[in-house]
N, C-alpha and C. Protein backbone atom coordinates (compact mmCIF):
# COMPACT_ATOMS: atom_id res chain seq x y z
N MET A 1 16.13 2.18 -16.08
CA MET A 1 17.32 2.01 -14.65
C MET A 1 17.55 0.79 -14.88
N GLU A 2 18.89 0.30 -14.13
CA GLU A 2 19.30 -0.85 -13.94
C GLU A 2 19.64 -1.12 -12.36
N LEU A 3 19.15 -2.13 -11.81
CA LEU A 3 19.51 -1.79 -9.96
C LEU A 3 21.07 -2.87 -10.11
N ASN A 4 21.66 -1.94 -9.12
CA ASN A 4 23.10 -2.64 -8.57
C ASN A 4 22.71 -3.48 -7.69
N PRO A 5 23.33 -4.74 -7.99
CA PRO A 5 23.16 -5.81 -7.27
C PRO A 5 23.94 -5.90 -5.96
N ASP A 6 24.85 -4.94 -5.66
CA ASP A 6 25.50 -4.43 -4.94
C ASP A 6 24.90 -3.53 -3.43
N ASP A 7 23.99 -2.90 -4.34
CA ASP A 7 22.97 -1.98 -3.51
C ASP A 7 22.01 -2.75 -3.33
N MET A 8 21.65 -3.82 -3.71
CA MET A 8 19.93 -4.77 -3.34
C MET A 8 20.43 -5.58 -2.38
N THR A 9 21.58 -5.73 -1.88
CA THR A 9 22.01 -6.93 -0.76
C THR A 9 21.04 -6.98 0.22
N PRO A 10 20.60 -5.59 0.72
CA PRO A 10 19.63 -5.79 1.76
C PRO A 10 18.27 -5.78 1.70
N VAL A 11 17.88 -5.25 0.23
CA VAL A 11 16.83 -5.65 -0.25
C VAL A 11 16.31 -7.26 -0.31
N ILE A 12 17.31 -7.42 -1.03
CA ILE A 12 17.48 -8.92 -1.27
C ILE A 12 16.80 -10.13 0.24
N HIS A 13 17.55 -9.68 1.28
CA HIS A 13 17.79 -10.06 2.75
C HIS A 13 16.11 -9.99 3.14
N ARG A 14 15.69 -8.63 2.52
CA ARG A 14 14.55 -8.18 3.41
C ARG A 14 13.25 -8.91 3.01
N LEU A 15 13.59 -9.40 1.61
CA LEU A 15 12.32 -9.77 0.39
C LEU A 15 12.85 -11.64 0.90
N LYS A 16 13.37 -12.17 1.25
CA LYS A 16 13.95 -13.43 1.71
C LYS A 16 13.28 -13.49 3.47
N ARG A 17 13.19 -12.90 3.87
CA ARG A 17 12.81 -12.54 5.30
C ARG A 17 11.20 -12.85 5.45
N ALA A 18 10.90 -11.57 4.21
CA ALA A 18 9.26 -11.60 4.14
C ALA A 18 8.80 -12.97 3.57
N GLN A 19 9.47 -13.55 2.69
CA GLN A 19 8.98 -14.93 2.03
C GLN A 19 8.88 -16.10 3.67
N GLY A 20 9.95 -15.77 4.09
CA GLY A 20 9.98 -16.90 5.46
C GLY A 20 8.65 -16.73 6.55
N GLN A 21 7.98 -15.44 6.29
CA GLN A 21 6.94 -14.82 7.22
C GLN A 21 5.75 -15.23 6.12
N LEU A 22 6.07 -15.34 5.01
CA LEU A 22 4.66 -15.23 4.74
C LEU A 22 4.30 -16.64 4.37
N ALA A 23 5.27 -17.63 4.12
CA ALA A 23 5.47 -19.27 4.56
C ALA A 23 4.54 -19.43 6.00
N ALA A 24 5.24 -18.77 7.11
CA ALA A 24 4.46 -18.83 8.40
C ALA A 24 3.48 -18.13 8.43
N VAL A 25 2.86 -17.64 7.55
CA VAL A 25 1.17 -16.48 8.05
C VAL A 25 0.62 -18.48 7.06
N THR A 26 0.91 -18.48 5.62
CA THR A 26 0.35 -19.82 5.36
C THR A 26 0.38 -21.05 6.36
N ARG A 27 1.19 -21.25 7.06
CA ARG A 27 1.27 -22.51 7.87
C ARG A 27 0.22 -22.54 9.11
N MET A 28 0.04 -20.52 9.42
CA MET A 28 -1.03 -20.51 11.07
C MET A 28 -2.69 -20.63 10.42
N ILE A 29 -2.54 -20.25 9.25
CA ILE A 29 -3.83 -20.63 8.44
C ILE A 29 -4.01 -21.94 8.31
N GLU A 30 -3.20 -22.54 7.75
CA GLU A 30 -3.16 -24.11 8.05
C GLU A 30 -3.74 -24.80 9.03
N GLU A 31 -2.86 -24.13 10.05
CA GLU A 31 -3.42 -24.71 11.15
C GLU A 31 -4.27 -24.20 12.28
N GLY A 32 -5.19 -23.38 11.80
CA GLY A 32 -6.12 -22.63 12.37
C GLY A 32 -6.00 -21.68 13.64
N LYS A 33 -4.98 -21.38 13.01
CA LYS A 33 -4.19 -20.20 14.46
C LYS A 33 -5.12 -19.29 14.76
N ASP A 34 -4.85 -18.18 15.72
CA ASP A 34 -5.85 -17.17 16.10
C ASP A 34 -5.62 -15.82 15.00
N CYS A 35 -6.95 -15.85 14.72
CA CYS A 35 -6.81 -14.57 13.66
C CYS A 35 -6.22 -13.04 13.85
N LYS A 36 -5.95 -12.83 15.12
CA LYS A 36 -4.92 -11.74 15.45
C LYS A 36 -3.70 -12.09 15.19
N ALA A 37 -3.02 -13.11 15.23
CA ALA A 37 -1.81 -13.58 15.00
C ALA A 37 -1.50 -13.56 13.90
N VAL A 38 -2.49 -14.20 12.73
CA VAL A 38 -2.56 -14.09 11.50
C VAL A 38 -2.12 -12.66 11.07
N VAL A 39 -3.48 -11.82 11.34
CA VAL A 39 -3.13 -10.49 10.45
C VAL A 39 -2.27 -9.94 11.06
N THR A 40 -1.43 -10.03 12.02
CA THR A 40 -0.37 -9.41 12.75
C THR A 40 1.31 -9.77 11.58
N GLN A 41 1.14 -11.08 11.43
CA GLN A 41 2.05 -11.58 10.94
C GLN A 41 2.14 -11.18 9.10
N LEU A 42 0.95 -11.16 8.67
CA LEU A 42 0.66 -10.85 7.31
C LEU A 42 0.87 -9.24 7.13
N SER A 43 0.62 -8.07 8.37
CA SER A 43 0.93 -6.72 7.97
C SER A 43 2.12 -6.30 8.19
N ALA A 44 3.11 -7.81 8.88
CA ALA A 44 4.40 -7.81 8.84
C ALA A 44 5.21 -7.90 7.24
N VAL A 45 4.81 -9.05 6.91
CA VAL A 45 4.77 -9.19 5.41
C VAL A 45 4.76 -8.11 4.68
N SER A 46 3.55 -7.61 4.48
CA SER A 46 2.99 -6.59 4.02
C SER A 46 4.23 -5.33 3.93
N LYS A 47 4.65 -4.84 4.85
CA LYS A 47 5.51 -3.69 5.73
C LYS A 47 7.03 -4.36 5.05
N ALA A 48 7.56 -5.17 5.23
CA ALA A 48 8.58 -5.71 4.56
C ALA A 48 8.76 -5.76 3.26
N LEU A 49 7.28 -6.09 2.77
CA LEU A 49 7.52 -5.77 0.47
C LEU A 49 7.56 -4.30 0.38
N ASP A 50 6.44 -3.49 1.24
CA ASP A 50 6.59 -2.59 1.07
C ASP A 50 8.09 -1.23 1.12
N ARG A 51 8.88 -1.77 1.62
CA ARG A 51 10.16 -1.72 2.47
C ARG A 51 11.52 -1.89 1.42
N ALA A 52 10.86 -2.82 1.03
CA ALA A 52 11.74 -3.44 -0.27
C ALA A 52 11.81 -2.43 -1.24
N GLY A 53 10.56 -2.64 -1.99
CA GLY A 53 9.85 -1.12 -3.00
C GLY A 53 10.72 -0.06 -3.07
N PHE A 54 10.47 0.67 -1.91
CA PHE A 54 10.77 1.78 -1.65
C PHE A 54 12.12 1.69 -1.64
N ALA A 55 12.99 1.17 -1.44
CA ALA A 55 14.55 0.28 -1.27
C ALA A 55 14.90 1.04 -2.92
N ILE A 56 14.11 0.24 -3.58
CA ILE A 56 14.45 -0.12 -4.86
C ILE A 56 14.33 1.27 -5.44
N ILE A 57 13.03 2.04 -5.20
CA ILE A 57 12.80 3.45 -6.03
C ILE A 57 13.86 4.24 -5.50
N ALA A 58 14.69 4.22 -4.03
CA ALA A 58 15.17 5.25 -3.63
C ALA A 58 16.29 4.75 -4.68
N SER A 59 16.69 3.80 -4.72
CA SER A 59 18.51 3.51 -5.62
C SER A 59 17.99 4.27 -6.93
N GLY A 60 17.07 4.09 -7.45
CA GLY A 60 16.53 4.81 -8.95
C GLY A 60 16.89 6.28 -8.75
N MET A 61 16.32 6.97 -7.70
CA MET A 61 16.52 8.20 -7.44
C MET A 61 17.78 8.36 -7.08
N GLU A 62 18.21 7.46 -6.17
CA GLU A 62 19.64 8.62 -6.57
C GLU A 62 20.33 8.35 -7.48
N GLN A 63 20.36 7.04 -8.08
CA GLN A 63 20.80 7.18 -9.63
C GLN A 63 20.40 8.37 -10.29
N CYS A 64 19.49 8.96 -10.44
CA CYS A 64 19.00 9.97 -11.44
C CYS A 64 19.61 11.47 -10.97
N MET A 65 19.66 10.85 -9.84
CA MET A 65 20.69 12.33 -9.05
C MET A 65 22.30 12.42 -9.50
N THR A 66 22.35 11.30 -9.10
CA THR A 66 24.22 10.91 -9.39
C THR A 66 24.43 11.08 -11.19
N SER A 67 23.59 10.78 -12.06
CA SER A 67 23.52 10.42 -12.97
C SER A 67 22.89 11.48 -13.75
N PRO A 68 22.58 12.33 -14.08
CA PRO A 68 21.66 12.78 -14.66
C PRO A 68 21.58 12.65 -16.28
N ASP A 69 22.14 11.67 -17.08
CA ASP A 69 21.95 11.63 -17.99
C ASP A 69 21.47 10.46 -18.58
N GLN A 70 21.11 9.96 -17.20
CA GLN A 70 20.26 8.52 -17.09
C GLN A 70 19.17 8.74 -17.77
N ASP A 71 18.31 7.82 -18.63
CA ASP A 71 17.24 8.16 -19.21
C ASP A 71 15.59 7.52 -18.53
N LEU A 72 15.74 8.02 -17.27
CA LEU A 72 14.65 7.49 -16.95
C LEU A 72 13.75 8.64 -16.25
N ASP A 73 12.85 9.04 -16.78
CA ASP A 73 11.21 10.15 -16.28
C ASP A 73 11.06 10.27 -15.10
N ARG A 74 11.25 11.15 -14.67
CA ARG A 74 10.69 11.73 -13.33
C ARG A 74 9.35 11.16 -13.60
N LYS A 75 8.29 11.06 -14.58
CA LYS A 75 6.91 10.62 -14.43
C LYS A 75 7.19 9.07 -13.98
N GLU A 76 7.76 8.21 -14.51
CA GLU A 76 7.91 7.07 -14.66
C GLU A 76 8.58 6.65 -13.37
N LEU A 77 9.20 7.54 -12.52
CA LEU A 77 9.42 7.17 -11.10
C LEU A 77 8.56 7.68 -10.16
N GLU A 78 7.51 8.35 -10.53
CA GLU A 78 6.62 8.87 -9.80
C GLU A 78 5.14 8.14 -9.92
N LYS A 79 5.76 7.39 -10.59
CA LYS A 79 4.64 6.50 -11.13
C LYS A 79 5.04 5.29 -10.31
N LEU A 80 6.04 4.53 -10.63
CA LEU A 80 6.33 3.67 -9.37
C LEU A 80 6.49 3.89 -8.35
N PHE A 81 6.32 5.17 -7.93
CA PHE A 81 6.93 5.54 -6.16
C PHE A 81 5.29 5.36 -5.85
N LEU A 82 3.94 5.70 -6.63
CA LEU A 82 2.68 5.63 -6.32
C LEU A 82 2.04 4.67 -6.01
N THR A 83 2.93 3.35 -6.75
CA THR A 83 2.02 2.20 -6.95
C THR A 83 2.70 1.13 -5.59
N LEU A 84 3.40 1.74 -5.32
CA LEU A 84 3.49 1.07 -3.66
C LEU A 84 3.04 1.98 -3.27
N ALA A 85 2.23 3.25 -2.96
CA ALA A 85 1.35 3.94 -2.10
C ALA A 85 -0.14 3.19 -1.80
């Protein structure tokens, strides 16, 4: 499955945002910030990464539906999906 760069633009933006959030979490820990605030930000990073992964998998599913001749196995796609669960 090849990823279409045009379809991945929102995913790239989400990942860059998550990268900034993760840097903020690191900074918060280094500065000794409140545990609750750190965990809240870490949760936001985790959700952003999950959503990026789901968007990539959804793109793969869409490719399978629109191009049945693609060589992507259903079990392989299911395995990818479950790695995010």
